[in-house]
C-alpha atoms as a PDB file:
ATOM      1  CA  MET A   1     -48.140   5.643  13.547  1.00  0.00           C
ATOM      2  CA  LYS A   2     -47.318   2.163  11.591  1.00  0.00           C
ATOM      3  CA  LYS A   3     -47.406   4.389   8.044  1.00  0.00           C
ATOM      4  CA  THR A   4     -44.914   6.863   9.584  1.00  0.00           C
ATOM      5  CA  LEU A   5     -42.867   3.868  10.862  1.00  0.00           C
ATOM      6  CA  LEU A   6     -42.868   2.319   7.402  1.00  0.00           C
ATOM      7  CA  THR A   7     -42.162   5.311   5.594  1.00  0.00           C
ATOM      8  CA  PHE A   8     -39.032   6.048   7.881  1.00  0.00           C
ATOM      9  CA  CYS A   9     -37.674   2.628   7.321  1.00  0.00           C
ATOM     10  CA  MET A  10     -38.165   2.942   3.682  1.00  0.00           C
ATOM     11  CA  GLY A  11     -36.260   6.146   3.590  1.00  0.00           C
ATOM     12  CA  LEU A  12     -33.473   4.575   5.334  1.00  0.00           C
ATOM     13  CA  ILE A  13     -33.029   1.730   2.821  1.00  0.00           C
ATOM     14  CA  ILE A  14     -33.605   4.076  -0.081  1.00  0.00           C
ATOM     15  CA  THR A  15     -30.702   5.965   1.239  1.00  0.00           C
ATOM     16  CA  SER A  16     -28.549   3.330   2.130  1.00  0.00           C
ATOM     17  CA  GLN A  17     -28.835   1.862  -1.390  1.00  0.00           C
ATOM     18  CA  ALA A  18     -27.942   5.167  -3.103  1.00  0.00           C
ATOM     19  CA  GLN A  19     -24.408   5.384  -1.195  1.00  0.00           C
ATOM     20  CA  SER A  20     -21.578   4.589  -2.911  1.00  0.00           C
ATOM     21  CA  TYR A  21     -17.781   4.777  -2.828  1.00  0.00           C
ATOM     22  CA  LYS A  22     -14.869   6.228  -5.043  1.00  0.00           C
ATOM     23  CA  ILE A  23     -11.442   6.708  -4.790  1.00  0.00           C
ATOM     24  CA  ASP A  24     -10.056  10.462  -4.843  1.00  0.00           C
ATOM     25  CA  THR A  25      -7.578  10.061  -7.838  1.00  0.00           C
ATOM     26  CA  ASN A  26      -6.870  14.077  -7.466  1.00  0.00           C
ATOM     27  CA  SER A  27      -5.558  13.337  -4.049  1.00  0.00           C
ATOM     28  CA  THR A  28      -2.107  12.137  -3.489  1.00  0.00           C
ATOM     29  CA  ILE A  29      -1.680   8.479  -3.421  1.00  0.00           C
ATOM     30  CA  GLN A  30       0.876   7.457  -0.559  1.00  0.00           C
ATOM     31  CA  VAL A  31       2.916   4.674  -0.807  1.00  0.00           C
ATOM     32  CA  GLN A  32       5.486   4.396   1.798  1.00  0.00           C
ATOM     33  CA  TRP A  33       8.090   1.963   3.215  1.00  0.00           C
ATOM     34  CA  SER A  34      10.315   1.292   6.278  1.00  0.00           C
ATOM     35  CA  ALA A  35      13.798  -0.327   5.910  1.00  0.00           C
ATOM     36  CA  TYR A  36      15.847  -1.657   8.720  1.00  0.00           C
ATOM     37  CA  LYS A  37      20.035  -0.945   9.315  1.00  0.00           C
ATOM     38  CA  THR A  38      22.168  -1.881  12.267  1.00  0.00           C
ATOM     39  CA  LEU A  39      21.910  -4.695  14.658  1.00  0.00           C
ATOM     40  CA  GLY A  40      19.686  -2.259  16.486  1.00  0.00           C
ATOM     41  CA  LYS A  41      17.249  -2.273  13.531  1.00  0.00           C
ATOM     42  CA  LEU A  42      16.998   1.667  13.191  1.00  0.00           C
ATOM     43  CA  SER A  43      14.282   2.510  10.839  1.00  0.00           C
ATOM     44  CA  VAL A  44      14.890   4.580   7.154  1.00  0.00           C
ATOM     45  CA  LYS A  45      11.755   5.648   5.824  1.00  0.00           C
ATOM     46  CA  GLY A  46      10.701   6.786   2.210  1.00  0.00           C
ATOM     47  CA  VAL A  47       8.072   7.020  -0.026  1.00  0.00           C
ATOM     48  CA  PHE A  48       7.451   6.576  -3.647  1.00  0.00           C
ATOM     49  CA  ASP A  49       6.427   9.836  -5.665  1.00  0.00           C
ATOM     50  CA  GLY A  50       5.679   8.003  -9.157  1.00  0.00           C
ATOM     51  CA  VAL A  51       2.367   5.898  -8.316  1.00  0.00           C
ATOM     52  CA  LYS A  52      -0.404   5.273 -10.660  1.00  0.00           C
ATOM     53  CA  ILE A  53      -3.593   3.924  -9.708  1.00  0.00           C
ATOM     54  CA  ALA A  54      -6.304   1.820 -11.520  1.00  0.00           C
ATOM     55  CA  PRO A  55      -9.137   1.947  -9.317  1.00  0.00           C
ATOM     56  CA  LYS A  56     -12.897   1.068 -10.230  1.00  0.00           C
ATOM     57  CA  LYS A  57     -14.961   4.194 -11.012  1.00  0.00           C
ATOM     58  CA  GLU A  58     -17.109   3.584  -7.714  1.00  0.00           C
ATOM     59  CA  ALA A  59     -18.990   0.666  -5.974  1.00  0.00           C
ATOM     60  CA  LYS A  60     -21.589   0.281  -3.403  1.00  0.00           C
ATOM     61  CA  THR A  61     -19.552  -1.077  -0.946  1.00  0.00           C
ATOM     62  CA  LEU A  62     -15.542  -0.354   0.396  1.00  0.00           C
ATOM     63  CA  THR A  63     -15.274  -4.091   0.115  1.00  0.00           C
ATOM     64  CA  ALA A  64     -16.416  -4.017  -3.706  1.00  0.00           C
ATOM     65  CA  LEU A  65     -14.706  -0.522  -4.446  1.00  0.00           C
ATOM     66  CA  LEU A  66     -11.245  -1.925  -3.285  1.00  0.00           C
ATOM     67  CA  ASP A  67     -11.139  -5.296  -4.511  1.00  0.00           C
ATOM     68  CA  GLY A  68      -9.503  -5.375  -7.726  1.00  0.00           C
ATOM     69  CA  VAL A  69      -7.549  -2.178  -7.373  1.00  0.00           C
ATOM     70  CA  SER A  70      -3.997  -2.095  -8.733  1.00  0.00           C
ATOM     71  CA  ALA A  71      -1.246   0.472  -8.701  1.00  0.00           C
ATOM     72  CA  SER A  72       1.966   0.624 -10.712  1.00  0.00           C
ATOM     73  CA  ILE A  73       5.019   1.891  -8.764  1.00  0.00           C
ATOM     74  CA  ASP A  74       7.820   3.619 -10.519  1.00  0.00           C
ATOM     75  CA  THR A  75      11.270   2.560  -8.219  1.00  0.00           C
ATOM     76  CA  SER A  76      13.166   5.727  -9.419  1.00  0.00           C
ATOM     77  CA  SER A  77      10.638   7.884  -7.684  1.00  0.00           C
ATOM     78  CA  VAL A  78      11.955   6.918  -4.401  1.00  0.00           C
ATOM     79  CA  ASN A  79      12.127   9.710  -2.034  1.00  0.00           C
ATOM     80  CA  THR A  80      13.653   9.952   1.768  1.00  0.00           C
ATOM     81  CA  GLN A  81      13.961  13.589   1.987  1.00  0.00           C
ATOM     82  CA  ASN A  82      17.816  12.853   1.220  1.00  0.00           C
ATOM     83  CA  GLN A  83      19.202  13.236  -2.244  1.00  0.00           C
ATOM     84  CA  GLU A  84      22.139  11.305  -1.846  1.00  0.00           C
ATOM     85  CA  ARG A  85      20.525   8.264   0.003  1.00  0.00           C
ATOM     86  CA  ASP A  86      17.729   8.613  -2.998  1.00  0.00           C
ATOM     87  CA  LYS A  87      20.935   8.128  -5.557  1.00  0.00           C
ATOM     88  CA  THR A  88      22.010   5.225  -3.660  1.00  0.00           C
ATOM     89  CA  LEU A  89      18.909   3.423  -3.369  1.00  0.00           C
ATOM     90  CA  ARG A  90      18.502   3.858  -7.080  1.00  0.00           C
ATOM     91  CA  ASP A  91      21.856   3.026  -8.032  1.00  0.00           C
ATOM     92  CA  SER A  92      22.694   0.171  -5.730  1.00  0.00           C
ATOM     93  CA  PHE A  93      19.341  -1.477  -5.010  1.00  0.00           C
ATOM     94  CA  PHE A  94      16.447  -0.637  -7.254  1.00  0.00           C
ATOM     95  CA  ASP A  95      18.793  -0.851 -10.492  1.00  0.00           C
ATOM     96  CA  LYS A  96      19.688  -4.112  -9.398  1.00  0.00           C
ATOM     97  CA  LEU A  97      16.224  -5.654  -9.604  1.00  0.00           C
ATOM     98  CA  ALA A  98      14.964  -7.082 -12.886  1.00  0.00           C
ATOM     99  CA  GLN A  99      12.247  -4.191 -13.590  1.00  0.00           C
ATOM    100  CA  GLN A 100      12.190  -0.759 -12.215  1.00  0.00           C
ATOM    101  CA  THR A 101       8.717  -0.985 -11.601  1.00  0.00           C
ATOM    102  CA  ILE A 102       6.656  -2.808  -8.896  1.00  0.00           C
ATOM    103  CA  THR A 103       3.178  -3.760  -9.481  1.00  0.00           C
ATOM    104  CA  ALA A 104       0.678  -4.225  -6.955  1.00  0.00           C
ATOM    105  CA  LYS A 105      -3.054  -5.339  -6.790  1.00  0.00           C
ATOM    106  CA  ILE A 106      -5.474  -6.201  -4.226  1.00  0.00           C
ATOM    107  CA  ILE A 107      -7.167  -9.386  -4.934  1.00  0.00           C
ATOM    108  CA  GLU A 108      -9.147  -9.935  -1.667  1.00  0.00           C
ATOM    109  CA  VAL A 109     -10.730  -8.023   1.112  1.00  0.00           C
ATOM    110  CA  THR A 110     -11.978  -9.402   4.341  1.00  0.00           C
ATOM    111  CA  PRO A 111     -13.601  -6.559   6.517  1.00  0.00           C
ATOM    112  CA  SER A 112     -13.414  -7.419  10.281  1.00  0.00           C
ATOM    113  CA  THR A 113     -16.318  -9.363  11.752  1.00  0.00           C
ATOM    114  CA  THR A 114     -16.525  -6.917  14.866  1.00  0.00           C
ATOM    115  CA  GLU A 115     -15.375  -3.377  12.988  1.00  0.00           C
ATOM    116  CA  THR A 116     -16.799  -2.319   9.766  1.00  0.00           C
ATOM    117  CA  ASP A 117     -14.028   0.256   9.057  1.00  0.00           C
ATOM    118  CA  LYS A 118     -11.146  -2.503   9.514  1.00  0.00           C
ATOM    119  CA  GLY A 119      -9.981  -5.869   8.018  1.00  0.00           C
ATOM    120  CA  THR A 120      -7.309  -7.333   5.951  1.00  0.00           C
ATOM    121  CA  LEU A 121      -6.331  -7.264   2.305  1.00  0.00           C
ATOM    122  CA  LYS A 122      -4.474  -9.653   0.207  1.00  0.00           C
ATOM    123  CA  VAL A 123      -2.194  -8.150  -2.484  1.00  0.00           C
ATOM    124  CA  SER A 124      -0.756  -9.665  -5.004  1.00  0.00           C
ATOM    125  CA  ILE A 125       2.946  -7.715  -5.425  1.00  0.00           C
ATOM    126  CA  VAL A 126       5.503  -8.436  -8.277  1.00  0.00           C
ATOM    127  CA  MET A 127       8.759  -7.320  -7.891  1.00  0.00           C
ATOM    128  CA  ASN A 128      12.225  -8.524  -9.505  1.00  0.00           C
ATOM    129  CA  SER A 129      10.027 -10.719 -11.634  1.00  0.00           C
ATOM    130  CA  ILE A 130       8.569 -12.611  -8.597  1.00  0.00           C
ATOM    131  CA  ASN A 131       4.969 -12.463  -7.561  1.00  0.00           C
ATOM    132  CA  LYS A 132       4.013 -13.067  -3.962  1.00  0.00           C
ATOM    133  CA  ILE A 133       0.241 -12.524  -2.041  1.00  0.00           C
ATOM    134  CA  ILE A 134       1.050 -10.306   1.202  1.00  0.00           C
ATOM    135  CA  PRO A 135      -1.247  -9.821   3.860  1.00  0.00           C
ATOM    136  CA  MET A 136      -1.807  -6.289   4.870  1.00  0.00           C
ATOM    137  CA  LYS A 137      -4.403  -4.885   7.563  1.00  0.00           C
ATOM    138  CA  TYR A 138      -6.557  -1.837   6.951  1.00  0.00           C
ATOM    139  CA  ALA A 139      -8.127   0.794   8.672  1.00  0.00           C
ATOM    140  CA  MET A 140     -10.219   3.936   7.870  1.00  0.00           C
ATOM    141  CA  GLN A 141      -9.693   7.093   9.368  1.00  0.00           C
ATOM    142  CA  ASN A 142     -11.497  10.292   8.389  1.00  0.00           C
ATOM    143  CA  ASP A 143     -12.180   9.028   4.873  1.00  0.00           C
ATOM    144  CA  ALA A 144      -8.390   7.923   4.486  1.00  0.00           C
ATOM    145  CA  LEU A 145      -8.061   4.094   4.285  1.00  0.00           C
ATOM    146  CA  GLN A 146      -4.624   3.022   5.061  1.00  0.00           C
ATOM    147  CA  ALA A 147      -3.208  -0.348   5.171  1.00  0.00           C
ATOM    148  CA  VAL A 148       0.151  -1.691   6.446  1.00  0.00           C
ATOM    149  CA  GLY A 149       1.917  -4.912   5.750  1.00  0.00           C
ATOM    150  CA  THR A 150       5.482  -6.416   5.772  1.00  0.00           C
ATOM    151  CA  ILE A 151       7.427  -8.210   2.742  1.00  0.00           C
ATOM    152  CA  ASP A 152      10.767 -10.313   2.662  1.00  0.00           C
ATOM    153  CA  LEU A 153      13.285  -9.249   0.398  1.00  0.00           C
ATOM    154  CA  PHE A 154      14.634 -12.723  -0.177  1.00  0.00           C
ATOM    155  CA  ASP A 155      10.521 -13.752  -1.135  1.00  0.00           C
ATOM    156  CA  PHE A 156      11.472 -11.599  -4.230  1.00  0.00           C
ATOM    157  CA  ASN A 157      15.062 -12.983  -4.984  1.00  0.00           C
ATOM    158  CA  ALA A 158      16.363  -9.474  -4.005  1.00  0.00           C
ATOM    159  CA  LYS A 159      19.291 -11.160  -2.417  1.00  0.00           C
ATOM    160  CA  GLU A 160      21.964  -9.237  -4.620  1.00  0.00           C
ATOM    161  CA  ALA A 161      20.200  -5.983  -4.632  1.00  0.00           C
ATOM    162  CA  LEU A 162      20.027  -6.340  -0.757  1.00  0.00           C
ATOM    163  CA  GLU A 163      24.248  -7.542  -0.516  1.00  0.00           C
ATOM    164  CA  SER A 164      24.365  -4.297  -3.335  1.00  0.00           C
ATOM    165  CA  ILE A 165      22.985  -1.509  -0.894  1.00  0.00           C
ATOM    166  CA  ASN A 166      24.602  -3.339   2.291  1.00  0.00           C
ATOM    167  CA  LYS A 167      27.940  -2.919   0.586  1.00  0.00           C
ATOM    168  CA  SER A 168      27.441   0.839  -0.204  1.00  0.00           C
ATOM    169  CA  CYS A 169      26.218   1.802   3.170  1.00  0.00           C
ATOM    170  CA  TYR A 170      28.298  -0.753   5.016  1.00  0.00           C
ATOM    171  CA  THR A 171      29.670   1.897   7.528  1.00  0.00           C
ATOM    172  CA  LEU A 172      26.074   3.693   7.846  1.00  0.00           C
ATOM    173  CA  HIS A 173      24.625   0.477   8.369  1.00  0.00           C
ATOM    174  CA  GLU A 174      27.280  -1.223  10.732  1.00  0.00           C
ATOM    175  CA  GLY A 175      27.321  -4.057   8.361  1.00  0.00           C
ATOM    176  CA  LYS A 176      23.869  -4.945   8.650  1.00  0.00           C
ATOM    177  CA  THR A 177      20.820  -4.239   6.158  1.00  0.00           C
ATOM    178  CA  TRP A 178      17.783  -6.065   7.022  1.00  0.00           C
ATOM    179  CA  ASN A 179      15.726  -8.124   4.685  1.00  0.00           C
ATOM    180  CA  ASP A 180      12.146  -7.242   6.164  1.00  0.00           C
ATOM    181  CA  VAL A 181      10.650  -4.210   4.934  1.00  0.00           C
ATOM    182  CA  GLU A 182       7.478  -2.341   5.970  1.00  0.00           C
ATOM    183  CA  ILE A 183       5.379  -1.574   3.607  1.00  0.00           C
ATOM    184  CA  ALA A 184       2.011   1.088   3.708  1.00  0.00           C
ATOM    185  CA  PHE A 185      -0.246   2.630   1.507  1.00  0.00           C
ATOM    186  CA  GLU A 186      -3.156   5.396   1.805  1.00  0.00           C
ATOM    187  CA  LEU A 187      -6.044   5.879  -0.388  1.00  0.00           C
ATOM    188  CA  HIS A 188      -8.574   8.789   0.247  1.00  0.00           C
ATOM    189  CA  ILE A 189     -12.222   7.685  -0.266  1.00  0.00           C
ATOM    190  CA  ASP A 190     -15.084   9.753  -1.547  1.00  0.00           C
ATOM    191  CA  HIS A 191     -18.608   8.585  -0.122  1.00  0.00           C
ATOM    192  CA  LEU A 192     -21.378   9.503  -2.937  1.00  0.00           C
ATOM    193  CA  LYS A 193     -24.656   9.646  -2.526  1.00  0.00           C
END
């Protein structure tokens, strides 16, 4: 009985040690945002289609896999399912920034102490030549990691760009374009044996 139990435990240890994780770069990397307009704070949602990611090849833990993952986002690839709005965003907001690329890098991963598939990230984001560390909450669902956080455009010295988009969309936005923007991304994770 003791020998059988020992063999079973050793098998579990070997199996758990053999498992590793890898980001599925063949699937679409989703980078989403929600901006707000009008005094009623109506949401305008969009994605970026041009996202390049530099993940580690694979890691033994999810924490190790995520730590150091970086992304480069082409702002000209903004997509709100409305071509006219996309052009306005490019011309009146993103083209007013110092660069048309946003970079992001996960610099810290803190798993929840109670739930292994949830936690917080610290993400270094460079936009308009300004670097800020943004906290984001993450959760795993069906082999997809989803993370959500909020940025303040004023922290990225984007007041001029915000005023430009507000002026271009003054009537539609009823004179109010908010400076806080919800950001989110989704990565598909492969479990390897």
